[in-house]
C-alpha atoms as a PDB file:
ATOM      1  CA  MET A   1     293.169 107.924  69.294  1.00  0.00           C
ATOM      2  CA  THR A   2     292.636 110.912  66.690  1.00  0.00           C
ATOM      3  CA  VAL A   3     295.695 111.426  65.902  1.00  0.00           C
ATOM      4  CA  ILE A   4     296.339 107.915  65.269  1.00  0.00           C
ATOM      5  CA  THR A   5     292.796 108.080  62.716  1.00  0.00           C
ATOM      6  CA  SER A   6     293.993 111.156  61.690  1.00  0.00           C
ATOM      7  CA  ALA A   7     297.340 110.326  59.906  1.00  0.00           C
ATOM      8  CA  LEU A   8     296.319 106.477  58.693  1.00  0.00           C
ATOM      9  CA  TYR A   9     293.512 108.627  57.658  1.00  0.00           C
ATOM     10  CA  TYR A  10     296.850 111.279  55.682  1.00  0.00           C
ATOM     11  CA  ILE A  11     298.110 107.519  54.175  1.00  0.00           C
ATOM     12  CA  VAL A  12     295.586 106.483  53.406  1.00  0.00           C
ATOM     13  CA  ILE A  13     294.123 109.082  51.027  1.00  0.00           C
ATOM     14  CA  GLY A  14     297.619 110.214  49.740  1.00  0.00           C
ATOM     15  CA  ALA A  15     298.298 107.339  47.823  1.00  0.00           C
ATOM     16  CA  VAL A  16     295.174 107.620  46.741  1.00  0.00           C
ATOM     17  CA  PHE A  17     296.199 110.383  44.676  1.00  0.00           C
ATOM     18  CA  ILE A  18     299.802 109.518  45.015  1.00  0.00           C
ATOM     19  CA  TYR A  19     298.933 106.636  42.243  1.00  0.00           C
ATOM     20  CA  LEU A  20     295.715 108.827  39.832  1.00  0.00           C
ATOM     21  CA  PHE A  21     298.624 111.298  39.795  1.00  0.00           C
ATOM     22  CA  ILE A  22     301.026 108.666  38.166  1.00  0.00           C
ATOM     23  CA  TYR A  23     298.083 106.933  36.243  1.00  0.00           C
ATOM     24  CA  ALA A  24     297.081 110.517  34.733  1.00  0.00           C
ATOM     25  CA  TYR A  25     301.132 111.069  33.670  1.00  0.00           C
ATOM     26  CA  ASP A  26     301.511 107.478  31.682  1.00  0.00           C
ATOM     27  CA  ILE A  27     297.696 108.521  30.300  1.00  0.00           C
ATOM     28  CA  PHE A  28     298.750 112.660  29.129  1.00  0.00           C
ATOM     29  CA  TYR A  29     303.007 111.940  29.248  1.00  0.00           C
ATOM     30  CA  GLY A  30     303.484 108.114  27.106  1.00  0.00           C
ATOM     31  CA  GLU A  31     304.475 105.714  29.975  1.00  0.00           C
ATOM     32  CA  LYS A  32     308.314 104.492  30.881  1.00  0.00           C
ATOM     33  CA  PRO A  33     309.555 101.295  28.261  1.00  0.00           C
ATOM     34  CA  GLU A  34     310.787  99.769  31.698  1.00  0.00           C
ATOM     35  CA  LYS A  35     306.276 100.095  32.196  1.00  0.00           C
ATOM     36  CA  GLN A  36     305.692  98.908  28.581  1.00  0.00           C
ATOM     37  CA  ILE A  37     307.730  95.887  28.268  1.00  0.00           C
ATOM     38  CA  LYS A  38     306.138  94.581  31.661  1.00  0.00           C
ATOM     39  CA  LYS A  39     303.478  94.887  30.363  1.00  0.00           C
ATOM     40  CA  ILE A  40     304.422  93.010  27.518  1.00  0.00           C
ATOM     41  CA  HIS A  41     305.552  90.119  29.199  1.00  0.00           C
ATOM     42  CA  LYS A  42     302.826  90.722  30.939  1.00  0.00           C
ATOM     43  CA  HIS A  43     300.333  89.908  27.880  1.00  0.00           C
ATOM     44  CA  PHE A  44     302.448  87.002  26.625  1.00  0.00           C
ATOM     45  CA  ARG A  45     303.204  85.379  29.424  1.00  0.00           C
ATOM     46  CA  LYS A  46     301.810  81.652  28.552  1.00  0.00           C
ATOM     47  CA  GLU A  47     304.856  82.679  25.907  1.00  0.00           C
ATOM     48  CA  THR A  48     308.502  82.424  25.547  1.00  0.00           C
ATOM     49  CA  ILE A  49     309.380  85.691  24.651  1.00  0.00           C
ATOM     50  CA  LYS A  50     312.839  85.804  22.366  1.00  0.00           C
ATOM     51  CA  ASN A  51     313.149  89.059  21.095  1.00  0.00           C
ATOM     52  CA  ILE A  52     311.284  92.513  21.610  1.00  0.00           C
ATOM     53  CA  ASP A  53     311.351  95.022  18.604  1.00  0.00           C
ATOM     54  CA  ARG A  54     310.442  99.393  19.380  1.00  0.00           C
ATOM     55  CA  LEU A  55     309.482  99.988  16.089  1.00  0.00           C
ATOM     56  CA  GLU A  56     307.224 103.166  16.215  1.00  0.00           C
ATOM     57  CA  ILE A  57     306.751 105.996  18.903  1.00  0.00           C
ATOM     58  CA  GLU A  58     304.054 108.226  19.124  1.00  0.00           C
ATOM     59  CA  PRO A  59     304.466 109.249  22.964  1.00  0.00           C
ATOM     60  CA  ARG A  60     300.738 110.736  23.680  1.00  0.00           C
ATOM     61  CA  LYS A  61     298.705 107.898  21.206  1.00  0.00           C
ATOM     62  CA  TYR A  62     300.836 104.866  20.871  1.00  0.00           C
ATOM     63  CA  THR A  63     304.088 102.344  20.540  1.00  0.00           C
ATOM     64  CA  LEU A  64     304.519 100.103  18.590  1.00  0.00           C
ATOM     65  CA  TYR A  65     306.478  96.630  18.907  1.00  0.00           C
ATOM     66  CA  GLN A  66     307.665  93.071  17.834  1.00  0.00           C
ATOM     67  CA  VAL A  67     307.264  90.609  20.457  1.00  0.00           C
ATOM     68  CA  THR A  68     309.297  87.491  18.743  1.00  0.00           C
ATOM     69  CA  THR A  69     308.162  84.459  20.286  1.00  0.00           C
ATOM     70  CA  ASP A  70     308.524  80.179  19.323  1.00  0.00           C
ATOM     71  CA  ASN A  71     304.843  80.594  18.327  1.00  0.00           C
ATOM     72  CA  GLY A  72     306.683  83.764  15.711  1.00  0.00           C
ATOM     73  CA  LYS A  73     306.618  86.905  15.415  1.00  0.00           C
ATOM     74  CA  LYS A  74     303.577  89.561  16.721  1.00  0.00           C
ATOM     75  CA  LYS A  75     303.436  92.783  16.658  1.00  0.00           C
ATOM     76  CA  VAL A  76     301.741  94.733  19.023  1.00  0.00           C
ATOM     77  CA  LYS A  77     300.223  98.543  20.137  1.00  0.00           C
ATOM     78  CA  LEU A  78     300.205  99.407  23.470  1.00  0.00           C
ATOM     79  CA  LYS A  79     298.177 102.255  24.261  1.00  0.00           C
ATOM     80  CA  PRO A  80     298.004 105.436  27.039  1.00  0.00           C
ATOM     81  CA  GLY A  81     297.014 103.407  29.891  1.00  0.00           C
ATOM     82  CA  TYR A  82     298.678 100.508  29.326  1.00  0.00           C
ATOM     83  CA  LYS A  83     296.164  99.004  27.144  1.00  0.00           C
ATOM     84  CA  VAL A  84     297.569  96.496  24.477  1.00  0.00           C
ATOM     85  CA  VAL A  85     296.146  95.418  21.616  1.00  0.00           C
ATOM     86  CA  ASN A  86     297.587  92.723  19.024  1.00  0.00           C
ATOM     87  CA  ILE A  87     297.891  93.402  15.291  1.00  0.00           C
ATOM     88  CA  VAL A  88     296.865  91.231  12.857  1.00  0.00           C
ATOM     89  CA  ALA A  89     298.620  90.967   9.326  1.00  0.00           C
ATOM     90  CA  LYS A  90     295.325  92.178   6.461  1.00  0.00           C
ATOM     91  CA  LYS A  91     294.973  89.512   4.090  1.00  0.00           C
ATOM     92  CA  GLU A  92     295.225  91.184   0.041  1.00  0.00           C
ATOM     93  CA  ASN A  93     293.942  89.074  -2.096  1.00  0.00           C
ATOM     94  CA  ASN A  94     293.218  92.220  -4.563  1.00  0.00           C
ATOM     95  CA  LYS A  95     296.520  91.998  -5.589  1.00  0.00           C
ATOM     96  CA  LYS A  96     295.891  88.280  -6.523  1.00  0.00           C
ATOM     97  CA  GLN A  97     293.094  88.499  -8.324  1.00  0.00           C
ATOM     98  CA  LYS A  98     293.341  88.401 -12.020  1.00  0.00           C
ATOM     99  CA  LYS A  99     293.575  91.476 -14.592  1.00  0.00           C
ATOM    100  CA  GLY A 100     291.516  90.512 -17.329  1.00  0.00           C
ATOM    101  CA  THR A 101     288.419  90.101 -14.515  1.00  0.00           C
ATOM    102  CA  VAL A 102     285.360  93.477 -14.236  1.00  0.00           C
END
């Protein structure tokens, strides 16, 4: 009986450590593109995705994607640890002001 419990203990504790090592590796060294694409599909599960383009890569900081859906184009920033951040375009009202006003 002790052999079975000790084997179960090693399997459970080993699985937890393997999962933690994989998660830490993704945070410190960047995620694989396949994992990032899966995360984007999960984030946009209610919309139909036509195309996914990678715009910019900083492996330990972020990866910037442009996702084309039926509703239009959206930019998404993926940070390590599978955090998805939607990027909203800034409104530039300052350029539309007249030059003569103070």
